[in-house]
C-alpha atoms as a PDB file:
ATOM      1  CA  UNK A   1      -0.050   0.013   0.014  1.00  0.00           C
ATOM      2  CA  UNK A   2       1.262   3.401  -0.896  1.00  0.00           C
ATOM      3  CA  UNK A   3       1.466   6.368   1.545  1.00  0.00           C
ATOM      4  CA  UNK A   4      -1.090   8.160  -0.344  1.00  0.00           C
ATOM      5  CA  UNK A   5      -3.451   5.073  -0.062  1.00  0.00           C
ATOM      6  CA  UNK A   6      -2.647   4.912   3.688  1.00  0.00           C
ATOM      7  CA  UNK A   7      -3.612   8.675   4.149  1.00  0.00           C
ATOM      8  CA  UNK A   8      -6.750   8.270   2.112  1.00  0.00           C
ATOM      9  CA  UNK A   9      -7.835   5.176   4.465  1.00  0.00           C
ATOM     10  CA  UNK A  10      -6.912   7.246   7.533  1.00  0.00           C
ATOM     11  CA  UNK A  11      -8.917   9.964   6.202  1.00  0.00           C
ATOM     12  CA  UNK A  12     -11.862   7.545   5.528  1.00  0.00           C
ATOM     13  CA  UNK A  13     -11.534   6.186   9.046  1.00  0.00           C
ATOM     14  CA  UNK A  14     -12.078   9.571  10.625  1.00  0.00           C
ATOM     15  CA  UNK A  15     -14.957  10.453   8.554  1.00  0.00           C
ATOM     16  CA  UNK A  16     -16.748   7.025   9.097  1.00  0.00           C
ATOM     17  CA  UNK A  17     -16.800   8.032  12.771  1.00  0.00           C
ATOM     18  CA  UNK A  18     -17.886  11.652  12.206  1.00  0.00           C
ATOM     19  CA  UNK A  19     -21.771  11.240  11.932  1.00  0.00           C
ATOM     20  CA  UNK A  20     -23.767  11.846   8.557  1.00  0.00           C
ATOM     21  CA  UNK A  21     -20.397  11.942   6.572  1.00  0.00           C
ATOM     22  CA  UNK A  22     -19.636   8.393   7.728  1.00  0.00           C
ATOM     23  CA  UNK A  23     -21.755   6.529   5.228  1.00  0.00           C
ATOM     24  CA  UNK A  24     -20.572   8.890   2.373  1.00  0.00           C
ATOM     25  CA  UNK A  25     -16.835   8.193   3.070  1.00  0.00           C
ATOM     26  CA  UNK A  26     -17.688   4.237   3.109  1.00  0.00           C
ATOM     27  CA  UNK A  27     -19.343   4.335   0.003  1.00  0.00           C
ATOM     28  CA  UNK A  28     -16.711   6.357  -1.618  1.00  0.00           C
ATOM     29  CA  UNK A  29     -14.313   3.740  -0.205  1.00  0.00           C
ATOM     30  CA  UNK A  30     -16.288   0.828  -1.787  1.00  0.00           C
ATOM     31  CA  UNK A  31     -16.446   2.825  -5.306  1.00  0.00           C
ATOM     32  CA  UNK A  32     -12.773   2.975  -5.334  1.00  0.00           C
ATOM     33  CA  UNK A  33     -12.523  -0.731  -4.520  1.00  0.00           C
ATOM     34  CA  UNK A  34     -14.979  -1.606  -7.135  1.00  0.00           C
ATOM     35  CA  UNK A  35     -12.633   0.171  -9.601  1.00  0.00           C
ATOM     36  CA  UNK A  36      -9.440  -1.437  -8.341  1.00  0.00           C
ATOM     37  CA  UNK A  37     -10.551  -4.876  -8.055  1.00  0.00           C
ATOM     38  CA  UNK A  38     -11.096  -5.938 -11.632  1.00  0.00           C
ATOM     39  CA  UNK A  39      -7.917  -4.174 -12.784  1.00  0.00           C
ATOM     40  CA  UNK A  40      -6.169  -7.350 -11.151  1.00  0.00           C
ATOM     41  CA  UNK A  41      -7.917  -9.555 -13.633  1.00  0.00           C
ATOM     42  CA  UNK A  42      -8.423  -7.586 -16.577  1.00  0.00           C
ATOM     43  CA  UNK A  43      -7.499  -4.574 -18.545  1.00  0.00           C
ATOM     44  CA  UNK A  44      -9.433  -1.383 -18.344  1.00  0.00           C
ATOM     45  CA  UNK A  45     -10.957   0.656 -21.409  1.00  0.00           C
ATOM     46  CA  UNK A  46     -12.039   4.169 -20.925  1.00  0.00           C
ATOM     47  CA  UNK A  47     -14.960   6.028 -22.461  1.00  0.00           C
ATOM     48  CA  UNK A  48     -15.485   9.311 -21.123  1.00  0.00           C
ATOM     49  CA  UNK A  49     -16.221   8.886 -17.335  1.00  0.00           C
ATOM     50  CA  UNK A  50     -16.867   5.443 -18.174  1.00  0.00           C
ATOM     51  CA  UNK A  51     -14.560   2.371 -17.654  1.00  0.00           C
ATOM     52  CA  UNK A  52     -14.933  -1.035 -19.368  1.00  0.00           C
ATOM     53  CA  UNK A  53     -13.204  -3.864 -17.628  1.00  0.00           C
ATOM     54  CA  UNK A  54     -12.124  -6.631 -20.028  1.00  0.00           C
ATOM     55  CA  UNK A  55     -11.360  -9.715 -18.388  1.00  0.00           C
ATOM     56  CA  UNK A  56      -8.006 -11.520 -19.055  1.00  0.00           C
ATOM     57  CA  UNK A  57      -7.749 -14.213 -16.376  1.00  0.00           C
ATOM     58  CA  UNK A  58     -10.373 -16.766 -17.923  1.00  0.00           C
ATOM     59  CA  UNK A  59     -13.174 -15.913 -15.373  1.00  0.00           C
ATOM     60  CA  UNK A  60     -16.680 -14.661 -15.943  1.00  0.00           C
ATOM     61  CA  UNK A  61     -16.797 -11.517 -18.066  1.00  0.00           C
ATOM     62  CA  UNK A  62     -16.637  -8.127 -16.173  1.00  0.00           C
ATOM     63  CA  UNK A  63     -18.754  -4.884 -16.823  1.00  0.00           C
ATOM     64  CA  UNK A  64     -18.365  -1.395 -17.406  1.00  0.00           C
ATOM     65  CA  UNK A  65     -18.896   1.403 -14.407  1.00  0.00           C
ATOM     66  CA  UNK A  66     -18.249   5.059 -13.750  1.00  0.00           C
ATOM     67  CA  UNK A  67     -14.839   5.713 -12.987  1.00  0.00           C
ATOM     68  CA  UNK A  68     -14.284   7.396  -9.688  1.00  0.00           C
ATOM     69  CA  UNK A  69     -12.730  11.037  -9.855  1.00  0.00           C
ATOM     70  CA  UNK A  70     -13.325  11.249 -13.437  1.00  0.00           C
ATOM     71  CA  UNK A  71     -15.761  14.257 -13.100  1.00  0.00           C
ATOM     72  CA  UNK A  72     -19.283  14.726 -14.610  1.00  0.00           C
ATOM     73  CA  UNK A  73     -22.092  12.433 -15.254  1.00  0.00           C
ATOM     74  CA  UNK A  74     -21.725   9.811 -18.178  1.00  0.00           C
ATOM     75  CA  UNK A  75     -23.665  10.846 -21.353  1.00  0.00           C
ATOM     76  CA  UNK A  76     -25.774   8.930 -23.870  1.00  0.00           C
ATOM     77  CA  UNK A  77     -22.675   8.913 -26.305  1.00  0.00           C
ATOM     78  CA  UNK A  78     -20.505   7.489 -23.603  1.00  0.00           C
ATOM     79  CA  UNK A  79     -23.260   4.500 -23.031  1.00  0.00           C
ATOM     80  CA  UNK A  80     -23.513   3.876 -26.778  1.00  0.00           C
ATOM     81  CA  UNK A  81     -19.727   3.474 -27.003  1.00  0.00           C
ATOM     82  CA  UNK A  82     -19.596   0.993 -24.195  1.00  0.00           C
ATOM     83  CA  UNK A  83     -22.400  -1.163 -25.578  1.00  0.00           C
ATOM     84  CA  UNK A  84     -20.949  -1.218 -28.953  1.00  0.00           C
ATOM     85  CA  UNK A  85     -17.495  -2.248 -27.353  1.00  0.00           C
ATOM     86  CA  UNK A  86     -19.138  -5.090 -25.550  1.00  0.00           C
ATOM     87  CA  UNK A  87     -20.877  -6.042 -28.669  1.00  0.00           C
ATOM     88  CA  UNK A  88     -17.585  -6.025 -30.534  1.00  0.00           C
ATOM     89  CA  UNK A  89     -15.876  -8.394 -27.711  1.00  0.00           C
ATOM     90  CA  UNK A  90     -18.779 -10.550 -27.732  1.00  0.00           C
ATOM     91  CA  UNK A  91     -19.212  -9.902 -23.899  1.00  0.00           C
ATOM     92  CA  UNK A  92     -22.495  -9.306 -21.934  1.00  0.00           C
ATOM     93  CA  UNK A  93     -23.811  -5.687 -22.233  1.00  0.00           C
ATOM     94  CA  UNK A  94     -23.764  -5.202 -18.394  1.00  0.00           C
ATOM     95  CA  UNK A  95     -22.980  -2.264 -16.100  1.00  0.00           C
ATOM     96  CA  UNK A  96     -22.494  -2.441 -12.234  1.00  0.00           C
ATOM     97  CA  UNK A  97     -22.362   0.825 -10.204  1.00  0.00           C
ATOM     98  CA  UNK A  98     -23.686   2.603  -7.114  1.00  0.00           C
ATOM     99  CA  UNK A  99     -26.737   4.620  -7.548  1.00  0.00           C
ATOM    100  CA  UNK A 100     -26.023   7.515  -5.367  1.00  0.00           C
ATOM    101  CA  UNK A 101     -22.750   8.337  -7.176  1.00  0.00           C
ATOM    102  CA  UNK A 102     -23.969   8.311 -10.725  1.00  0.00           C
ATOM    103  CA  UNK A 103     -27.845   9.302 -10.626  1.00  0.00           C
ATOM    104  CA  UNK A 104     -28.402   9.940 -14.072  1.00  0.00           C
ATOM    105  CA  UNK A 105     -26.841   6.780 -15.503  1.00  0.00           C
ATOM    106  CA  UNK A 106     -29.854   4.351 -14.767  1.00  0.00           C
ATOM    107  CA  UNK A 107     -32.274   6.311 -17.169  1.00  0.00           C
ATOM    108  CA  UNK A 108     -29.521   6.327 -19.815  1.00  0.00           C
ATOM    109  CA  UNK A 109     -29.222   2.497 -19.542  1.00  0.00           C
ATOM    110  CA  UNK A 110     -32.803   1.983 -19.392  1.00  0.00           C
ATOM    111  CA  UNK A 111     -33.575   4.228 -22.463  1.00  0.00           C
ATOM    112  CA  UNK A 112     -30.673   1.934 -24.292  1.00  0.00           C
ATOM    113  CA  UNK A 113     -32.715  -1.275 -23.450  1.00  0.00           C
ATOM    114  CA  UNK A 114     -31.050  -2.669 -20.541  1.00  0.00           C
ATOM    115  CA  UNK A 115     -32.921  -3.863 -17.417  1.00  0.00           C
ATOM    116  CA  UNK A 116     -31.681  -2.524 -14.137  1.00  0.00           C
ATOM    117  CA  UNK A 117     -31.860  -4.392 -10.740  1.00  0.00           C
ATOM    118  CA  UNK A 118     -31.205  -2.800  -7.358  1.00  0.00           C
ATOM    119  CA  UNK A 119     -29.472  -4.472  -4.461  1.00  0.00           C
ATOM    120  CA  UNK A 120     -28.803  -3.136  -1.136  1.00  0.00           C
ATOM    121  CA  UNK A 121     -25.182  -2.096  -0.502  1.00  0.00           C
ATOM    122  CA  UNK A 122     -23.855  -3.039   2.963  1.00  0.00           C
ATOM    123  CA  UNK A 123     -20.641  -1.855   4.346  1.00  0.00           C
ATOM    124  CA  UNK A 124     -18.719  -2.170   7.693  1.00  0.00           C
ATOM    125  CA  UNK A 125     -15.810  -0.459   9.257  1.00  0.00           C
ATOM    126  CA  UNK A 126     -13.563  -2.944  10.904  1.00  0.00           C
ATOM    127  CA  UNK A 127     -11.605  -0.181  12.616  1.00  0.00           C
ATOM    128  CA  UNK A 128     -13.609   0.046  15.877  1.00  0.00           C
ATOM    129  CA  UNK A 129     -15.359  -3.238  15.436  1.00  0.00           C
ATOM    130  CA  UNK A 130     -14.919  -5.519  18.687  1.00  0.00           C
ATOM    131  CA  UNK A 131     -13.626  -9.062  17.976  1.00  0.00           C
ATOM    132  CA  UNK A 132     -16.758 -11.290  17.503  1.00  0.00           C
ATOM    133  CA  UNK A 133     -17.213 -14.837  19.134  1.00  0.00           C
ATOM    134  CA  UNK A 134     -17.716 -17.367  16.362  1.00  0.00           C
ATOM    135  CA  UNK A 135     -21.232 -17.957  15.637  1.00  0.00           C
ATOM    136  CA  UNK A 136     -22.668 -20.723  17.133  1.00  0.00           C
ATOM    137  CA  UNK A 137     -23.944 -22.929  14.118  1.00  0.00           C
ATOM    138  CA  UNK A 138     -22.472 -26.071  15.659  1.00  0.00           C
ATOM    139  CA  UNK A 139     -20.446 -26.728  12.069  1.00  0.00           C
ATOM    140  CA  UNK A 140     -16.802 -26.261  12.318  1.00  0.00           C
ATOM    141  CA  UNK A 141     -15.942 -23.418  10.124  1.00  0.00           C
ATOM    142  CA  UNK A 142     -12.218 -22.804   8.611  1.00  0.00           C
ATOM    143  CA  UNK A 143     -10.091 -21.202   5.983  1.00  0.00           C
ATOM    144  CA  UNK A 144      -9.518 -23.264   2.782  1.00  0.00           C
ATOM    145  CA  UNK A 145      -6.462 -22.835   1.071  1.00  0.00           C
ATOM    146  CA  UNK A 146      -5.182 -23.564  -2.459  1.00  0.00           C
ATOM    147  CA  UNK A 147      -4.050 -27.096  -1.765  1.00  0.00           C
ATOM    148  CA  UNK A 148      -7.088 -28.095   0.647  1.00  0.00           C
ATOM    149  CA  UNK A 149      -8.628 -31.273  -0.620  1.00  0.00           C
ATOM    150  CA  UNK A 150     -12.089 -29.629   0.138  1.00  0.00           C
ATOM    151  CA  UNK A 151     -11.456 -26.839  -2.173  1.00  0.00           C
ATOM    152  CA  UNK A 152     -13.477 -28.172  -5.256  1.00  0.00           C
ATOM    153  CA  UNK A 153     -16.486 -29.153  -3.181  1.00  0.00           C
ATOM    154  CA  UNK A 154     -16.313 -25.811  -1.320  1.00  0.00           C
ATOM    155  CA  UNK A 155     -16.641 -24.099  -4.647  1.00  0.00           C
ATOM    156  CA  UNK A 156     -19.318 -26.590  -5.652  1.00  0.00           C
ATOM    157  CA  UNK A 157     -21.287 -25.705  -2.469  1.00  0.00           C
ATOM    158  CA  UNK A 158     -21.542 -21.899  -3.533  1.00  0.00           C
ATOM    159  CA  UNK A 159     -22.813 -23.109  -6.897  1.00  0.00           C
ATOM    160  CA  UNK A 160     -25.438 -25.528  -5.603  1.00  0.00           C
ATOM    161  CA  UNK A 161     -26.404 -22.925  -2.973  1.00  0.00           C
ATOM    162  CA  UNK A 162     -27.113 -20.320  -5.369  1.00  0.00           C
ATOM    163  CA  UNK A 163     -28.305 -22.627  -8.170  1.00  0.00           C
ATOM    164  CA  UNK A 164     -31.563 -23.640  -6.193  1.00  0.00           C
ATOM    165  CA  UNK A 165     -32.379 -20.475  -4.392  1.00  0.00           C
ATOM    166  CA  UNK A 166     -36.124 -21.838  -3.986  1.00  0.00           C
ATOM    167  CA  UNK A 167     -35.348 -25.386  -3.341  1.00  0.00           C
ATOM    168  CA  UNK A 168     -37.118 -26.734  -0.186  1.00  0.00           C
ATOM    169  CA  UNK A 169     -34.696 -27.648   2.771  1.00  0.00           C
ATOM    170  CA  UNK A 170     -33.438 -31.248   2.242  1.00  0.00           C
ATOM    171  CA  UNK A 171     -33.482 -31.262  -1.794  1.00  0.00           C
ATOM    172  CA  UNK A 172     -29.858 -30.733  -2.189  1.00  0.00           C
ATOM    173  CA  UNK A 173     -26.873 -31.821   0.141  1.00  0.00           C
ATOM    174  CA  UNK A 174     -23.809 -33.630   0.440  1.00  0.00           C
ATOM    175  CA  UNK A 175     -24.870 -35.928  -1.983  1.00  0.00           C
ATOM    176  CA  UNK A 176     -24.627 -33.678  -5.213  1.00  0.00           C
ATOM    177  CA  UNK A 177     -21.166 -32.176  -4.047  1.00  0.00           C
ATOM    178  CA  UNK A 178     -19.135 -34.799  -5.736  1.00  0.00           C
ATOM    179  CA  UNK A 179     -20.775 -34.162  -9.153  1.00  0.00           C
ATOM    180  CA  UNK A 180     -20.881 -30.457  -8.834  1.00  0.00           C
ATOM    181  CA  UNK A 181     -17.412 -30.364  -7.900  1.00  0.00           C
ATOM    182  CA  UNK A 182     -16.515 -32.415 -10.967  1.00  0.00           C
ATOM    183  CA  UNK A 183     -18.269 -30.119 -13.022  1.00  0.00           C
ATOM    184  CA  UNK A 184     -16.506 -27.113 -11.512  1.00  0.00           C
ATOM    185  CA  UNK A 185     -13.073 -28.745 -12.028  1.00  0.00           C
ATOM    186  CA  UNK A 186     -13.960 -29.532 -15.617  1.00  0.00           C
ATOM    187  CA  UNK A 187     -14.705 -26.015 -16.681  1.00  0.00           C
ATOM    188  CA  UNK A 188     -11.910 -24.220 -14.881  1.00  0.00           C
ATOM    189  CA  UNK A 189     -13.756 -22.641 -12.025  1.00  0.00           C
ATOM    190  CA  UNK A 190     -11.661 -24.421  -9.207  1.00  0.00           C
ATOM    191  CA  UNK A 191      -8.372 -23.841 -11.075  1.00  0.00           C
ATOM    192  CA  UNK A 192      -9.095 -20.089 -11.271  1.00  0.00           C
ATOM    193  CA  UNK A 193     -10.222 -20.131  -7.786  1.00  0.00           C
ATOM    194  CA  UNK A 194      -6.995 -22.070  -6.658  1.00  0.00           C
ATOM    195  CA  UNK A 195      -4.816 -19.419  -8.615  1.00  0.00           C
ATOM    196  CA  UNK A 196      -6.520 -16.557  -6.866  1.00  0.00           C
ATOM    197  CA  UNK A 197      -6.134 -18.153  -3.547  1.00  0.00           C
ATOM    198  CA  UNK A 198      -2.325 -18.665  -4.089  1.00  0.00           C
ATOM    199  CA  UNK A 199      -1.948 -15.030  -5.209  1.00  0.00           C
ATOM    200  CA  UNK A 200      -3.686 -13.788  -2.178  1.00  0.00           C
ATOM    201  CA  UNK A 201      -6.439 -12.297  -4.264  1.00  0.00           C
ATOM    202  CA  UNK A 202      -9.267 -14.491  -2.705  1.00  0.00           C
ATOM    203  CA  UNK A 203      -9.735 -15.939   0.714  1.00  0.00           C
ATOM    204  CA  UNK A 204     -12.145 -18.854   1.173  1.00  0.00           C
ATOM    205  CA  UNK A 205     -13.983 -20.094   4.185  1.00  0.00           C
ATOM    206  CA  UNK A 206     -16.243 -23.006   4.646  1.00  0.00           C
ATOM    207  CA  UNK A 207     -18.513 -24.640   7.401  1.00  0.00           C
ATOM    208  CA  UNK A 208     -18.234 -28.581   7.400  1.00  0.00           C
ATOM    209  CA  UNK A 209     -20.390 -31.143   7.941  1.00  0.00           C
ATOM    210  CA  UNK A 210     -18.767 -34.754   8.285  1.00  0.00           C
ATOM    211  CA  UNK A 211     -15.731 -33.288   6.947  1.00  0.00           C
ATOM    212  CA  UNK A 212     -17.497 -31.960   3.700  1.00  0.00           C
ATOM    213  CA  UNK A 213     -18.078 -28.208   2.893  1.00  0.00           C
ATOM    214  CA  UNK A 214     -21.850 -27.488   3.331  1.00  0.00           C
ATOM    215  CA  UNK A 215     -21.533 -23.559   3.117  1.00  0.00           C
ATOM    216  CA  UNK A 216     -18.987 -21.347   1.924  1.00  0.00           C
ATOM    217  CA  UNK A 217     -17.993 -18.106   0.774  1.00  0.00           C
ATOM    218  CA  UNK A 218     -14.988 -15.833   0.123  1.00  0.00           C
ATOM    219  CA  UNK A 219     -13.535 -12.392   0.391  1.00  0.00           C
ATOM    220  CA  UNK A 220     -11.467 -10.389  -1.805  1.00  0.00           C
ATOM    221  CA  UNK A 221      -8.905  -8.017  -0.253  1.00  0.00           C
ATOM    222  CA  UNK A 222      -7.404  -4.871  -2.173  1.00  0.00           C
ATOM    223  CA  UNK A 223      -5.667  -1.915  -0.634  1.00  0.00           C
ATOM    224  CA  UNK A 224      -7.451  -2.125   2.975  1.00  0.00           C
ATOM    225  CA  UNK A 225     -10.815  -3.033   1.909  1.00  0.00           C
ATOM    226  CA  UNK A 226     -12.204  -6.284   0.935  1.00  0.00           C
ATOM    227  CA  UNK A 227     -15.827  -7.606  -0.488  1.00  0.00           C
ATOM    228  CA  UNK A 228     -17.618 -10.473   0.551  1.00  0.00           C
ATOM    229  CA  UNK A 229     -18.932 -12.604  -2.235  1.00  0.00           C
ATOM    230  CA  UNK A 230     -20.519 -15.806  -2.738  1.00  0.00           C
ATOM    231  CA  UNK A 231     -21.530 -16.833   0.793  1.00  0.00           C
ATOM    232  CA  UNK A 232     -23.963 -19.814   0.231  1.00  0.00           C
ATOM    233  CA  UNK A 233     -25.471 -22.728   1.900  1.00  0.00           C
ATOM    234  CA  UNK A 234     -26.562 -26.087   0.518  1.00  0.00           C
ATOM    235  CA  UNK A 235     -30.601 -26.374   0.644  1.00  0.00           C
ATOM    236  CA  UNK A 236     -30.340 -29.238   3.035  1.00  0.00           C
ATOM    237  CA  UNK A 237     -28.240 -27.306   5.784  1.00  0.00           C
ATOM    238  CA  UNK A 238     -30.041 -24.088   5.491  1.00  0.00           C
ATOM    239  CA  UNK A 239     -31.489 -22.311   8.636  1.00  0.00           C
ATOM    240  CA  UNK A 240     -28.657 -23.122  11.052  1.00  0.00           C
ATOM    241  CA  UNK A 241     -26.750 -19.847  11.023  1.00  0.00           C
ATOM    242  CA  UNK A 242     -24.031 -21.189   8.571  1.00  0.00           C
ATOM    243  CA  UNK A 243     -24.005 -18.283   6.293  1.00  0.00           C
ATOM    244  CA  UNK A 244     -23.134 -15.719   9.185  1.00  0.00           C
ATOM    245  CA  UNK A 245     -20.684 -18.267  10.664  1.00  0.00           C
ATOM    246  CA  UNK A 246     -18.822 -18.241   7.285  1.00  0.00           C
ATOM    247  CA  UNK A 247     -19.237 -14.493   7.257  1.00  0.00           C
ATOM    248  CA  UNK A 248     -17.428 -14.195  10.811  1.00  0.00           C
ATOM    249  CA  UNK A 249     -14.676 -16.152   9.581  1.00  0.00           C
ATOM    250  CA  UNK A 250     -14.144 -13.971   6.491  1.00  0.00           C
ATOM    251  CA  UNK A 251     -14.307 -10.952   8.682  1.00  0.00           C
ATOM    252  CA  UNK A 252     -11.738 -12.085  10.901  1.00  0.00           C
ATOM    253  CA  UNK A 253      -9.506 -12.781   8.334  1.00  0.00           C
ATOM    254  CA  UNK A 254     -10.013  -9.442   6.554  1.00  0.00           C
ATOM    255  CA  UNK A 255      -9.312  -7.624  10.001  1.00  0.00           C
ATOM    256  CA  UNK A 256      -5.921  -9.782  10.398  1.00  0.00           C
ATOM    257  CA  UNK A 257      -4.880  -8.776   6.726  1.00  0.00           C
ATOM    258  CA  UNK A 258      -5.344  -5.234   7.750  1.00  0.00           C
ATOM    259  CA  UNK A 259      -8.631  -4.540   6.126  1.00  0.00           C
ATOM    260  CA  UNK A 260     -10.582  -1.413   7.369  1.00  0.00           C
ATOM    261  CA  UNK A 261     -13.896  -1.698   5.428  1.00  0.00           C
ATOM    262  CA  UNK A 262     -15.800  -4.553   4.248  1.00  0.00           C
ATOM    263  CA  UNK A 263     -18.588  -4.432   2.239  1.00  0.00           C
ATOM    264  CA  UNK A 264     -21.274  -6.778   0.116  1.00  0.00           C
ATOM    265  CA  UNK A 265     -24.115  -6.366  -2.248  1.00  0.00           C
ATOM    266  CA  UNK A 266     -27.152  -8.226  -0.781  1.00  0.00           C
ATOM    267  CA  UNK A 267     -29.743  -9.964  -3.065  1.00  0.00           C
ATOM    268  CA  UNK A 268     -32.708  -8.049  -1.507  1.00  0.00           C
ATOM    269  CA  UNK A 269     -33.813  -6.391   1.901  1.00  0.00           C
ATOM    270  CA  UNK A 270     -34.202  -9.726   3.760  1.00  0.00           C
ATOM    271  CA  UNK A 271     -30.746 -10.891   2.817  1.00  0.00           C
ATOM    272  CA  UNK A 272     -29.834  -7.430   4.031  1.00  0.00           C
ATOM    273  CA  UNK A 273     -31.389  -7.874   7.368  1.00  0.00           C
ATOM    274  CA  UNK A 274     -29.540 -11.118   8.046  1.00  0.00           C
ATOM    275  CA  UNK A 275     -26.247  -9.406   7.457  1.00  0.00           C
ATOM    276  CA  UNK A 276     -27.230  -6.398   9.666  1.00  0.00           C
ATOM    277  CA  UNK A 277     -26.790  -8.652  12.588  1.00  0.00           C
ATOM    278  CA  UNK A 278     -23.119  -8.921  12.020  1.00  0.00           C
ATOM    279  CA  UNK A 279     -22.730  -5.404  12.040  1.00  0.00           C
ATOM    280  CA  UNK A 280     -23.130  -4.310   8.457  1.00  0.00           C
ATOM    281  CA  UNK A 281     -24.987  -1.185   7.502  1.00  0.00           C
ATOM    282  CA  UNK A 282     -26.891   0.125   4.510  1.00  0.00           C
ATOM    283  CA  UNK A 283     -24.652   2.749   2.639  1.00  0.00           C
ATOM    284  CA  UNK A 284     -26.267   2.856  -0.687  1.00  0.00           C
ATOM    285  CA  UNK A 285     -27.860   1.027  -3.397  1.00  0.00           C
ATOM    286  CA  UNK A 286     -25.761  -1.174  -5.756  1.00  0.00           C
ATOM    287  CA  UNK A 287     -27.240  -1.465  -9.151  1.00  0.00           C
ATOM    288  CA  UNK A 288     -26.915  -3.883 -11.997  1.00  0.00           C
ATOM    289  CA  UNK A 289     -27.983  -3.143 -15.590  1.00  0.00           C
ATOM    290  CA  UNK A 290     -27.970  -6.105 -18.338  1.00  0.00           C
ATOM    291  CA  UNK A 291     -29.543  -6.412 -21.706  1.00  0.00           C
ATOM    292  CA  UNK A 292     -32.774  -8.636 -20.934  1.00  0.00           C
ATOM    293  CA  UNK A 293     -31.990 -10.659 -23.916  1.00  0.00           C
ATOM    294  CA  UNK A 294     -28.499 -11.282 -23.267  1.00  0.00           C
ATOM    295  CA  UNK A 295     -27.161 -14.874 -23.836  1.00  0.00           C
END
C-alpha cells in the first residue's frame, strides 16, 4: 500500500466515525475498491467517465462502471460507445455501479434497452469493531487454502447454494457435492479459484459437516478493503446460521490482513437484514444493468 493510499484510509476512518458523513466516506471507499479490484484480472478501457473492464484471467466477463474521480456524469454517447465495444468483444452488455454516485446513469441505460436491478449495498468499518465470538452454528468453520482437498467441494457448495434458491430444505445436500465439484473442475472454475487463493486475491472459508463443505464464501482484499461474495449454503443445511458463521470467519481474516472496510451487495432486503446482525449497515444501492435478451 502506498503512503497516499494509507493517508486516504486514515481520512476515511475519521470520516466514518463523524456522523452523517460516515456513510458517504464508506460508499466512496467501496467505489474505489470496485474500480481497483477488476484491474487485477483484466484491462481497463475508458469511454469518457466510464470504464469497461475486459477480463483476461479466464473468469466470468466483467462489466462497465463510472470511474471514480472522472468528473461529470456519463452521457448517452458514452453509454452507446461502451455497448458497441461490448458487442464487438462478444461479452454481455452489462454495467454495475453505485446509484448515489451516478444518479443519471440508470435512465440512460434503461433508454438503451437494459434492465436495471437494485441491491442493498452494505458496509462495515472494521477499525473500531470489537472481535466477535464465533457464530454458534454447531458446524466447524475454517479457511480453505489452495491445496486443501475440500476446495473443489467448497466451490461446488457455492454453486449449489445459489443454483437452487427456491429449493426446499433437504432437496440438495452433500450427495450432490461430488458431481458439482467435478463439473467445476472440468470448466476451470476450481483452477481459477486455486490461482486466486495462491496470489492472495481471494480467501475462502467453509462450514463443514462430517468433513465436507456445506456452506462457503470468500472475500477479495484490495488495498485495505475487501468484498464478501458468494456466501451460500446447501439447501439441506440452511436455517442453521451457517452463512453468518462463514461471514464471521471471513471478517476475522479480513481484519487480520489489515482491511478497514468490508462490504457486500445483498440480493434483497431480507438478506440485508441477516447481515445487519453481523454489524453491516446500508450505505447505498448497488445497481446492475443487463440487456434482457443477453445470452
